[in-house]
Amino acid sequence: MIVVAITGASGVIYGIRLLEVLKELKIENSLVISDAAKTVIESETDYAIEEIIKISDSYYEFNDLTASINSGSFKADALAIVPCSMKTLSSIANGYGDNTITRVADVSLKERRPTVIVPRETPLRTIHLKNMLTLSQEGAIILPAMPGFYSTHDSVDDQINFIVGKILDALKIENNLFKRWE
């Protein structure tokens, strides 16, 4: 079971597409959407929040610190925070678990579960880089949403699939979402 968290950074389509692919692959998932992400979803996509929630197998509220997903005894295989805002990244790096996303990340890291963080910010400040380094040193996989241009990307959907394919690769999930280097 993969936990997918969508935060308020630009690029929410990456998280939505990840959910769609997990559903296609019949991989159970749980979803958390931050309040800021709901605003960005409305701004950047044509998806209704309810549509996205229906793609997931289970949904947890952003500010529910009593949710079962926040416990180390909750059996998740991995966590992907897609996209990850710098605020969320900073909170996780500094152990500030004040909402469902930052708490589930804290649990994922302490339980040594695969944790993929997809930051969406440019340019990066030194503190952003330090926070990413901290998380990387704790075992998180930092996977910036940086599409590769070595394979043909004919559309924005191809670029989205490239990043989602790289996330799945990091989670050791077989996929054919992009053309691989030969």
N, C-alpha and C. Protein backbone atom coordinates (compact mmCIF):
# COMPACT_ATOMS: atom_id res chain seq x y z
N MET A 1 0.84 -1.17 0.00
CA MET A 1 0.00 0.00 0.00
C MET A 1 0.88 1.23 0.00
N ILE A 2 0.59 2.14 -0.90
CA ILE A 2 1.36 3.37 -1.06
C ILE A 2 0.52 4.54 -0.55
N VAL A 3 1.11 5.36 0.30
CA VAL A 3 0.46 6.59 0.73
C VAL A 3 0.90 7.68 -0.23
N VAL A 4 -0.07 8.41 -0.76
CA VAL A 4 0.20 9.54 -1.64
C VAL A 4 -0.29 10.79 -0.93
N ALA A 5 0.60 11.77 -0.81
CA ALA A 5 0.24 13.05 -0.22
C ALA A 5 0.45 14.14 -1.27
N ILE A 6 -0.53 14.99 -1.41
CA ILE A 6 -0.46 16.10 -2.37
C ILE A 6 -0.47 17.39 -1.55
N THR A 7 0.60 18.19 -1.71
CA THR A 7 0.68 19.46 -0.97
C THR A 7 0.42 20.62 -1.92
N GLY A 8 0.50 21.83 -1.38
CA GLY A 8 0.11 23.03 -2.11
C GLY A 8 1.13 23.61 -3.06
N ALA A 9 2.12 22.85 -3.47
CA ALA A 9 3.06 23.34 -4.48
C ALA A 9 2.44 23.21 -5.86
N SER A 10 2.94 23.99 -6.79
CA SER A 10 2.51 23.84 -8.18
C SER A 10 2.93 22.46 -8.67
N GLY A 11 2.14 21.90 -9.56
CA GLY A 11 2.44 20.57 -10.09
C GLY A 11 1.60 19.47 -9.48
N VAL A 12 0.43 19.82 -8.98
CA VAL A 12 -0.45 18.81 -8.36
C VAL A 12 -0.82 17.70 -9.34
N ILE A 13 -0.72 17.97 -10.62
CA ILE A 13 -1.05 16.96 -11.62
C ILE A 13 -0.16 15.72 -11.48
N TYR A 14 1.06 15.88 -10.98
CA TYR A 14 1.94 14.73 -10.76
C TYR A 14 1.32 13.77 -9.73
N GLY A 15 0.80 14.31 -8.65
CA GLY A 15 0.18 13.47 -7.63
C GLY A 15 -1.08 12.81 -8.14
N ILE A 16 -1.87 13.56 -8.89
CA ILE A 16 -3.11 13.00 -9.45
C ILE A 16 -2.79 11.87 -10.42
N ARG A 17 -1.82 12.10 -11.29
CA ARG A 17 -1.44 11.07 -12.26
C ARG A 17 -0.88 9.84 -11.56
N LEU A 18 -0.11 10.05 -10.49
CA LEU A 18 0.40 8.91 -9.73
C LEU A 18 -0.75 8.07 -9.20
N LEU A 19 -1.77 8.70 -8.65
CA LEU A 19 -2.94 7.96 -8.17
C LEU A 19 -3.60 7.16 -9.29
N GLU A 20 -3.74 7.79 -10.47
CA GLU A 20 -4.35 7.11 -11.61
C GLU A 20 -3.56 5.87 -12.00
N VAL A 21 -2.24 6.00 -12.04
CA VAL A 21 -1.40 4.88 -12.44
C VAL A 21 -1.43 3.77 -11.38
N LEU A 22 -1.40 4.14 -10.11
CA LEU A 22 -1.50 3.12 -9.06
C LEU A 22 -2.81 2.35 -9.18
N LYS A 23 -3.88 3.06 -9.50
CA LYS A 23 -5.18 2.40 -9.68
C LYS A 23 -5.12 1.45 -10.88
N GLU A 24 -4.52 1.92 -12.00
CA GLU A 24 -4.38 1.08 -13.19
C GLU A 24 -3.57 -0.18 -12.88
N LEU A 25 -2.55 -0.03 -12.05
CA LEU A 25 -1.69 -1.16 -11.69
C LEU A 25 -2.27 -2.01 -10.56
N LYS A 26 -3.43 -1.61 -10.07
CA LYS A 26 -4.11 -2.31 -8.97
C LYS A 26 -3.25 -2.36 -7.71
N ILE A 27 -2.60 -1.23 -7.42
CA ILE A 27 -1.80 -1.09 -6.21
C ILE A 27 -2.58 -0.23 -5.23
N GLU A 28 -2.88 -0.80 -4.08
CA GLU A 28 -3.67 -0.10 -3.07
C GLU A 28 -2.95 1.18 -2.64
N ASN A 29 -3.76 2.24 -2.42
CA ASN A 29 -3.18 3.50 -2.00
C ASN A 29 -4.09 4.22 -1.03
N SER A 30 -3.47 5.09 -0.27
CA SER A 30 -4.19 6.00 0.62
C SER A 30 -3.78 7.41 0.24
N LEU A 31 -4.67 8.36 0.44
CA LEU A 31 -4.46 9.72 -0.03
C LEU A 31 -4.69 10.73 1.09
N VAL A 32 -3.83 11.76 1.08
CA VAL A 32 -4.01 12.95 1.91
C VAL A 32 -3.78 14.15 1.00
N ILE A 33 -4.68 15.12 1.06
CA ILE A 33 -4.55 16.36 0.28
C ILE A 33 -4.53 17.52 1.26
N SER A 34 -3.50 18.36 1.18
CA SER A 34 -3.44 19.52 2.08
C SER A 34 -4.49 20.55 1.67
N ASP A 35 -4.80 21.43 2.58
CA ASP A 35 -5.76 22.50 2.28
C ASP A 35 -5.25 23.37 1.13
N ALA A 36 -3.96 23.70 1.17
CA ALA A 36 -3.39 24.52 0.09
C ALA A 36 -3.44 23.78 -1.24
N ALA A 37 -3.24 22.46 -1.22
CA ALA A 37 -3.30 21.67 -2.45
C ALA A 37 -4.69 21.74 -3.08
N LYS A 38 -5.71 21.77 -2.25
CA LYS A 38 -7.07 21.87 -2.80
C LYS A 38 -7.24 23.15 -3.61
N THR A 39 -6.66 24.22 -3.12
CA THR A 39 -6.71 25.50 -3.85
C THR A 39 -5.93 25.40 -5.15
N VAL A 40 -4.75 24.79 -5.10
CA VAL A 40 -3.92 24.65 -6.30
C VAL A 40 -4.59 23.72 -7.32
N ILE A 41 -5.21 22.65 -6.85
CA ILE A 41 -5.92 21.73 -7.75
C ILE A 41 -6.99 22.49 -8.52
N GLU A 42 -7.75 23.32 -7.83
CA GLU A 42 -8.79 24.12 -8.50
C GLU A 42 -8.20 25.10 -9.49
N SER A 43 -7.00 25.62 -9.19
CA SER A 43 -6.35 26.60 -10.05
C SER A 43 -5.66 25.98 -11.26
N GLU A 44 -5.02 24.83 -11.06
CA GLU A 44 -4.18 24.24 -12.11
C GLU A 44 -4.83 23.14 -12.93
N THR A 45 -5.95 22.59 -12.46
CA THR A 45 -6.53 21.44 -13.17
C THR A 45 -8.04 21.61 -13.33
N ASP A 46 -8.62 20.70 -14.08
CA ASP A 46 -10.07 20.65 -14.23
C ASP A 46 -10.69 19.60 -13.31
N TYR A 47 -9.88 18.98 -12.45
CA TYR A 47 -10.37 17.96 -11.53
C TYR A 47 -11.12 18.59 -10.36
N ALA A 48 -12.18 17.93 -9.96
CA ALA A 48 -12.86 18.26 -8.71
C ALA A 48 -12.17 17.44 -7.61
N ILE A 49 -12.09 18.00 -6.42
CA ILE A 49 -11.46 17.30 -5.30
C ILE A 49 -12.10 15.93 -5.08
N GLU A 50 -13.42 15.87 -5.19
CA GLU A 50 -14.14 14.61 -4.98
C GLU A 50 -13.72 13.55 -6.00
N GLU A 51 -13.44 13.97 -7.24
CA GLU A 51 -12.97 13.05 -8.28
C GLU A 51 -11.64 12.41 -7.88
N ILE A 52 -10.75 13.23 -7.37
CA ILE A 52 -9.42 12.75 -6.98
C ILE A 52 -9.54 11.78 -5.80
N ILE A 53 -10.36 12.13 -4.85
CA ILE A 53 -10.56 11.26 -3.69
C ILE A 53 -11.10 9.90 -4.13
N LYS A 54 -11.98 9.88 -5.13
CA LYS A 54 -12.55 8.62 -5.63
C LYS A 54 -11.51 7.73 -6.31
N ILE A 55 -10.43 8.33 -6.82
CA ILE A 55 -9.36 7.53 -7.44
C ILE A 55 -8.64 6.71 -6.38
N SER A 56 -8.57 7.25 -5.16
CA SER A 56 -7.83 6.58 -4.09
C SER A 56 -8.66 5.46 -3.48
N ASP A 57 -7.96 4.56 -2.80
CA ASP A 57 -8.66 3.48 -2.09
C ASP A 57 -9.15 3.94 -0.72
N SER A 58 -8.41 4.87 -0.11
CA SER A 58 -8.84 5.45 1.16
C SER A 58 -8.30 6.87 1.25
N TYR A 59 -9.05 7.70 1.94
CA TYR A 59 -8.71 9.12 2.05
C TYR A 59 -8.67 9.53 3.51
N TYR A 60 -7.68 10.34 3.84
CA TYR A 60 -7.52 10.85 5.21
C TYR A 60 -7.49 12.37 5.17
N GLU A 61 -8.17 12.97 6.15
CA GLU A 61 -8.23 14.42 6.23
C GLU A 61 -6.87 14.99 6.63
N PHE A 62 -6.56 16.15 6.13
CA PHE A 62 -5.27 16.80 6.31
C PHE A 62 -4.95 17.14 7.77
N ASN A 63 -5.94 17.53 8.53
CA ASN A 63 -5.68 17.95 9.92
C ASN A 63 -6.16 16.94 10.95
N ASP A 64 -6.22 15.66 10.58
CA ASP A 64 -6.67 14.63 11.50
C ASP A 64 -5.48 13.87 12.07
N LEU A 65 -4.95 14.37 13.18
CA LEU A 65 -3.79 13.73 13.79
C LEU A 65 -4.14 12.41 14.47
N THR A 66 -5.44 12.09 14.58
CA THR A 66 -5.84 10.81 15.15
C THR A 66 -6.04 9.73 14.07
N ALA A 67 -5.82 10.09 12.82
CA ALA A 67 -6.01 9.13 11.72
C ALA A 67 -5.05 7.95 11.87
N SER A 68 -5.52 6.77 11.55
CA SER A 68 -4.70 5.56 11.69
C SER A 68 -3.43 5.62 10.86
N ILE A 69 -3.46 6.34 9.78
CA ILE A 69 -2.30 6.47 8.89
C ILE A 69 -1.10 7.10 9.59
N ASN A 70 -1.35 7.82 10.69
CA ASN A 70 -0.29 8.51 11.43
C ASN A 70 0.45 7.62 12.41
N SER A 71 0.12 6.36 12.46
CA SER A 71 0.73 5.44 13.41
C SER A 71 1.74 4.53 12.73
N GLY A 72 2.82 4.23 13.42
CA GLY A 72 3.81 3.29 12.91
C GLY A 72 3.24 1.90 12.72
N SER A 73 2.15 1.58 13.42
CA SER A 73 1.54 0.26 13.26
C SER A 73 0.64 0.18 12.02
N PHE A 74 0.38 1.32 11.37
CA PHE A 74 -0.36 1.32 10.11
C PHE A 74 0.56 0.75 9.05
N LYS A 75 0.12 -0.26 8.35
CA LYS A 75 0.98 -0.98 7.42
C LYS A 75 0.99 -0.36 6.02
N ALA A 76 1.81 0.65 5.86
CA ALA A 76 2.04 1.24 4.55
C ALA A 76 3.38 0.73 4.05
N ASP A 77 3.50 0.52 2.74
CA ASP A 77 4.76 0.07 2.16
C ASP A 77 5.68 1.25 1.84
N ALA A 78 5.08 2.39 1.51
CA ALA A 78 5.88 3.54 1.09
C ALA A 78 5.03 4.80 1.12
N LEU A 79 5.71 5.94 1.01
CA LEU A 79 5.07 7.25 0.98
C LEU A 79 5.64 8.04 -0.18
N ALA A 80 4.77 8.71 -0.92
CA ALA A 80 5.19 9.65 -1.96
C ALA A 80 4.48 10.97 -1.71
N ILE A 81 5.25 12.03 -1.54
CA ILE A 81 4.69 13.37 -1.38
C ILE A 81 4.92 14.10 -2.70
N VAL A 82 3.82 14.26 -3.44
CA VAL A 82 3.88 14.68 -4.84
C VAL A 82 2.79 15.70 -5.14
N PRO A 83 3.08 16.96 -5.38
CA PRO A 83 4.36 17.63 -5.17
C PRO A 83 4.53 17.95 -3.68
N CYS A 84 5.74 18.32 -3.33
CA CYS A 84 6.04 18.67 -1.95
C CYS A 84 6.43 20.14 -1.87
N SER A 85 5.65 20.91 -1.15
CA SER A 85 5.97 22.32 -0.96
C SER A 85 7.20 22.46 -0.07
N MET A 86 7.85 23.59 -0.15
CA MET A 86 9.01 23.84 0.71
C MET A 86 8.58 23.93 2.17
N LYS A 87 7.37 24.39 2.44
CA LYS A 87 6.87 24.43 3.82
C LYS A 87 6.77 23.01 4.38
N THR A 88 6.19 22.11 3.61
CA THR A 88 6.06 20.71 4.05
C THR A 88 7.43 20.07 4.19
N LEU A 89 8.29 20.30 3.21
CA LEU A 89 9.63 19.73 3.26
C LEU A 89 10.37 20.21 4.51
N SER A 90 10.27 21.50 4.82
CA SER A 90 10.91 22.06 6.01
C SER A 90 10.35 21.43 7.28
N SER A 91 9.04 21.30 7.35
CA SER A 91 8.41 20.70 8.53
C SER A 91 8.90 19.28 8.74
N ILE A 92 8.97 18.50 7.68
CA ILE A 92 9.42 17.11 7.79
C ILE A 92 10.89 17.06 8.21
N ALA A 93 11.71 17.87 7.57
CA ALA A 93 13.15 17.87 7.87
C ALA A 93 13.42 18.25 9.32
N ASN A 94 12.54 19.05 9.90
CA ASN A 94 12.75 19.54 11.26
C ASN A 94 11.87 18.83 12.29
N GLY A 95 11.23 17.73 11.88
CA GLY A 95 10.46 16.91 12.81
C GLY A 95 9.20 17.56 13.34
N TYR A 96 8.62 18.44 12.54
CA TYR A 96 7.43 19.17 12.98
C TYR A 96 6.19 18.53 12.36
N GLY A 97 5.66 17.52 13.03
CA GLY A 97 4.52 16.75 12.52
C GLY A 97 3.20 17.32 13.00
N ASP A 98 2.80 18.45 12.45
CA ASP A 98 1.60 19.14 12.93
C ASP A 98 0.36 18.89 12.09
N ASN A 99 0.45 18.03 11.07
CA ASN A 99 -0.72 17.68 10.25
C ASN A 99 -0.53 16.26 9.74
N THR A 100 -1.50 15.74 9.06
CA THR A 100 -1.45 14.34 8.64
C THR A 100 -0.28 14.06 7.71
N ILE A 101 0.01 14.98 6.79
CA ILE A 101 1.11 14.74 5.85
C ILE A 101 2.45 14.73 6.56
N THR A 102 2.71 15.72 7.39
CA THR A 102 4.02 15.77 8.05
C THR A 102 4.16 14.66 9.08
N ARG A 103 3.05 14.27 9.68
CA ARG A 103 3.10 13.16 10.66
C ARG A 103 3.33 11.83 9.96
N VAL A 104 2.64 11.57 8.85
CA VAL A 104 2.84 10.31 8.15
C VAL A 104 4.26 10.24 7.58
N ALA A 105 4.83 11.38 7.19
CA ALA A 105 6.22 11.41 6.72
C ALA A 105 7.17 11.09 7.87
N ASP A 106 6.90 11.65 9.04
CA ASP A 106 7.71 11.36 10.22
C ASP A 106 7.70 9.85 10.51
N VAL A 107 6.52 9.26 10.45
CA VAL A 107 6.37 7.82 10.70
C VAL A 107 7.10 7.03 9.62
N SER A 108 6.93 7.40 8.37
CA SER A 108 7.56 6.68 7.26
C SER A 108 9.09 6.69 7.41
N LEU A 109 9.64 7.83 7.76
CA LEU A 109 11.09 7.93 7.92
C LEU A 109 11.57 7.14 9.14
N LYS A 110 10.86 7.26 10.26
CA LYS A 110 11.32 6.55 11.46
C LYS A 110 11.19 5.04 11.32
N GLU A 111 10.22 4.59 10.52
CA GLU A 111 10.05 3.16 10.27
C GLU A 111 10.91 2.67 9.11
N ARG A 112 11.70 3.59 8.54
CA ARG A 112 12.62 3.28 7.43
C ARG A 112 11.89 2.74 6.20
N ARG A 113 10.73 3.31 5.93
CA ARG A 113 9.97 2.94 4.73
C ARG A 113 10.40 3.84 3.58
N PRO A 114 10.33 3.34 2.36
CA PRO A 114 10.66 4.20 1.23
C PRO A 114 9.79 5.47 1.27
N THR A 115 10.46 6.60 1.19
CA THR A 115 9.80 7.90 1.25
C THR A 115 10.31 8.75 0.10
N VAL A 116 9.44 9.02 -0.86
CA VAL A 116 9.81 9.80 -2.04
C VAL A 116 9.21 11.19 -1.90
N ILE A 117 10.07 12.18 -1.99
CA ILE A 117 9.64 13.57 -1.87
C ILE A 117 9.93 14.28 -3.19
N VAL A 118 8.89 14.84 -3.79
CA VAL A 118 9.00 15.49 -5.10
C VAL A 118 8.84 17.00 -4.91
N PRO A 119 9.97 17.69 -4.65
CA PRO A 119 9.88 19.14 -4.45
C PRO A 119 9.59 19.87 -5.75
N ARG A 120 8.84 20.96 -5.61
CA ARG A 120 8.50 21.79 -6.77
C ARG A 120 8.76 23.24 -6.40
N GLU A 121 9.96 23.67 -6.65
CA GLU A 121 10.34 25.06 -6.38
C GLU A 121 11.57 25.37 -7.20
N THR A 122 11.64 26.58 -7.71
CA THR A 122 12.85 27.03 -8.40
C THR A 122 12.87 28.53 -8.43
N PRO A 123 14.00 29.14 -8.20
CA PRO A 123 15.25 28.55 -7.77
C PRO A 123 15.17 28.11 -6.31
N LEU A 124 16.20 27.41 -5.87
CA LEU A 124 16.24 26.91 -4.51
C LEU A 124 17.14 27.78 -3.64
N ARG A 125 16.66 28.08 -2.43
CA ARG A 125 17.49 28.77 -1.44
C ARG A 125 18.39 27.74 -0.76
N THR A 126 19.40 28.24 -0.10
CA THR A 126 20.31 27.36 0.64
C THR A 126 19.56 26.53 1.67
N ILE A 127 18.60 27.13 2.37
CA ILE A 127 17.85 26.37 3.39
C ILE A 127 17.03 25.25 2.76
N HIS A 128 16.51 25.48 1.54
CA HIS A 128 15.79 24.40 0.84
C HIS A 128 16.74 23.22 0.61
N LEU A 129 17.93 23.54 0.14
CA LEU A 129 18.92 22.49 -0.14
C LEU A 129 19.35 21.78 1.15
N LYS A 130 19.52 22.54 2.23
CA LYS A 130 19.88 21.93 3.52
C LYS A 130 18.78 20.99 4.01
N ASN A 131 17.53 21.42 3.86
CA ASN A 131 16.41 20.56 4.28
C ASN A 131 16.35 19.29 3.44
N MET A 132 16.60 19.42 2.14
CA MET A 132 16.63 18.24 1.28
C MET A 132 17.77 17.32 1.68
N LEU A 133 18.93 17.89 1.98
CA LEU A 133 20.07 17.08 2.42
C LEU A 133 19.73 16.34 3.71
N THR A 134 19.11 17.04 4.65
CA THR A 134 18.72 16.41 5.92
C THR A 134 17.82 15.20 5.66
N LEU A 135 16.83 15.38 4.81
CA LEU A 135 15.91 14.28 4.51
C LEU A 135 16.60 13.15 3.75
N SER A 136 17.48 13.50 2.83
CA SER A 136 18.23 12.49 2.11
C SER A 136 19.10 11.68 3.07
N GLN A 137 19.72 12.34 4.01
CA GLN A 137 20.55 11.65 5.00
C GLN A 137 19.72 10.73 5.89
N GLU A 138 18.43 11.01 6.02
CA GLU A 138 17.55 10.15 6.80
C GLU A 138 16.93 9.03 5.96
N GLY A 139 17.26 9.00 4.68
CA GLY A 139 16.79 7.91 3.83
C GLY A 139 15.73 8.28 2.82
N ALA A 140 15.24 9.51 2.85
CA ALA A 140 14.24 9.92 1.86
C ALA A 140 14.88 10.01 0.48
N ILE A 141 14.09 9.76 -0.52
CA ILE A 141 14.52 9.92 -1.90
C ILE A 141 14.00 11.28 -2.35
N ILE A 142 14.90 12.17 -2.69
CA ILE A 142 14.52 13.50 -3.17
C ILE A 142 14.48 13.43 -4.68
N LEU A 143 13.29 13.59 -5.25
CA LEU A 143 13.08 13.40 -6.68
C LEU A 143 12.43 14.66 -7.26
N PRO A 144 13.24 15.69 -7.56
CA PRO A 144 12.66 16.92 -8.10
C PRO A 144 11.91 16.66 -9.40
N ALA A 145 10.86 17.40 -9.61
CA ALA A 145 10.06 17.27 -10.83
C ALA A 145 10.80 17.93 -11.98
N MET A 146 11.81 17.23 -12.48
CA MET A 146 12.66 17.73 -13.55
C MET A 146 12.62 16.74 -14.71
N PRO A 147 11.77 16.98 -15.70
CA PRO A 147 11.66 16.02 -16.79
C PRO A 147 12.97 15.89 -17.56
N GLY A 148 13.25 14.68 -18.01
CA GLY A 148 14.41 14.43 -18.85
C GLY A 148 14.05 14.72 -20.31
N PHE A 149 15.02 15.15 -21.06
CA PHE A 149 14.76 15.48 -22.46
C PHE A 149 15.51 14.56 -23.40
N TYR A 150 16.04 13.45 -22.87
CA TYR A 150 16.76 12.50 -23.72
C TYR A 150 15.82 11.56 -24.45
N SER A 151 14.57 11.50 -24.04
CA SER A 151 13.59 10.73 -24.80
C SER A 151 12.56 11.71 -25.34
N THR A 152 11.85 11.30 -26.32
CA THR A 152 10.90 12.20 -26.96
C THR A 152 9.72 12.49 -26.04
N HIS A 153 9.53 13.76 -25.75
CA HIS A 153 8.37 14.22 -24.99
C HIS A 153 7.54 15.09 -25.92
N ASP A 154 6.54 14.48 -26.53
CA ASP A 154 5.73 15.20 -27.50
C ASP A 154 4.68 16.08 -26.85
N SER A 155 4.41 15.86 -25.57
CA SER A 155 3.33 16.60 -24.92
C SER A 155 3.64 16.80 -23.45
N VAL A 156 2.85 17.64 -22.83
CA VAL A 156 2.96 17.84 -21.38
C VAL A 156 2.64 16.52 -20.68
N ASP A 157 1.68 15.77 -21.19
CA ASP A 157 1.35 14.46 -20.59
C ASP A 157 2.56 13.53 -20.59
N ASP A 158 3.37 13.57 -21.66
CA ASP A 158 4.58 12.76 -21.71
C ASP A 158 5.55 13.18 -20.60
N GLN A 159 5.68 14.47 -20.37
CA GLN A 159 6.58 14.97 -19.32
C GLN A 159 6.06 14.58 -17.93
N ILE A 160 4.75 14.64 -17.75
CA ILE A 160 4.14 14.21 -16.48
C ILE A 160 4.39 12.73 -16.27
N ASN A 161 4.17 11.92 -17.31
CA ASN A 161 4.40 10.48 -17.20
C ASN A 161 5.86 10.16 -16.92
N PHE A 162 6.78 10.96 -17.44
CA PHE A 162 8.20 10.75 -17.15
C PHE A 162 8.46 10.86 -15.66
N ILE A 163 7.96 11.92 -15.04
CA ILE A 163 8.18 12.12 -13.60
C ILE A 163 7.47 11.03 -12.79
N VAL A 164 6.24 10.72 -13.14
CA VAL A 164 5.50 9.68 -12.42
C VAL A 164 6.21 8.33 -12.59
N GLY A 165 6.73 8.06 -13.77
CA GLY A 165 7.50 6.83 -13.98
C GLY A 165 8.74 6.78 -13.11
N LYS A 166 9.41 7.91 -12.96
CA LYS A 166 10.60 7.97 -12.09
C LYS A 166 10.21 7.76 -10.62
N ILE A 167 9.05 8.28 -10.21
CA ILE A 167 8.56 8.04 -8.85
C ILE A 167 8.32 6.55 -8.65
N LEU A 168 7.65 5.93 -9.60
CA LEU A 168 7.39 4.49 -9.52
C LEU A 168 8.70 3.70 -9.50
N ASP A 169 9.67 4.11 -10.31
CA ASP A 169 10.98 3.46 -10.28
C ASP A 169 11.58 3.54 -8.88
N ALA A 170 11.50 4.72 -8.25
CA ALA A 170 12.06 4.90 -6.91
C ALA A 170 11.36 4.01 -5.89
N LEU A 171 10.08 3.71 -6.15
CA LEU A 171 9.31 2.84 -5.27
C LEU A 171 9.43 1.36 -5.67
N LYS A 172 10.26 1.09 -6.68
CA LYS A 172 10.49 -0.28 -7.18
C LYS A 172 9.22 -0.90 -7.76
N ILE A 173 8.43 -0.06 -8.45
CA ILE A 173 7.20 -0.51 -9.10
C ILE A 173 7.43 -0.48 -10.61
N GLU A 174 7.32 -1.64 -11.25
CA GLU A 174 7.52 -1.74 -12.69
C GLU A 174 6.53 -0.85 -13.43
N ASN A 175 7.03 -0.17 -14.47
CA ASN A 175 6.16 0.68 -15.27
C ASN A 175 6.81 0.94 -16.62
N ASN A 176 5.99 1.36 -17.55
CA ASN A 176 6.45 1.72 -18.90
C ASN A 176 5.93 3.11 -19.27
N LEU A 177 6.01 4.03 -18.33
CA LEU A 177 5.43 5.36 -18.55
C LEU A 177 6.31 6.27 -19.40
N PHE A 178 7.57 5.90 -19.59
CA PHE A 178 8.45 6.73 -20.40
C PHE A 178 9.46 5.85 -21.13
N LYS A 179 10.02 6.41 -22.19
CA LYS A 179 11.02 5.69 -22.97
C LYS A 179 12.34 5.73 -22.21
N ARG A 180 12.91 4.58 -21.97
CA ARG A 180 14.16 4.48 -21.21
C ARG A 180 15.37 4.62 -22.13
N TRP A 181 16.46 5.05 -21.54
CA TRP A 181 17.71 5.20 -22.26
C TRP A 181 18.18 3.84 -22.75
N GLU A 182 18.59 3.79 -24.00
CA GLU A 182 19.03 2.50 -24.58
C GLU A 182 20.46 2.57 -25.00
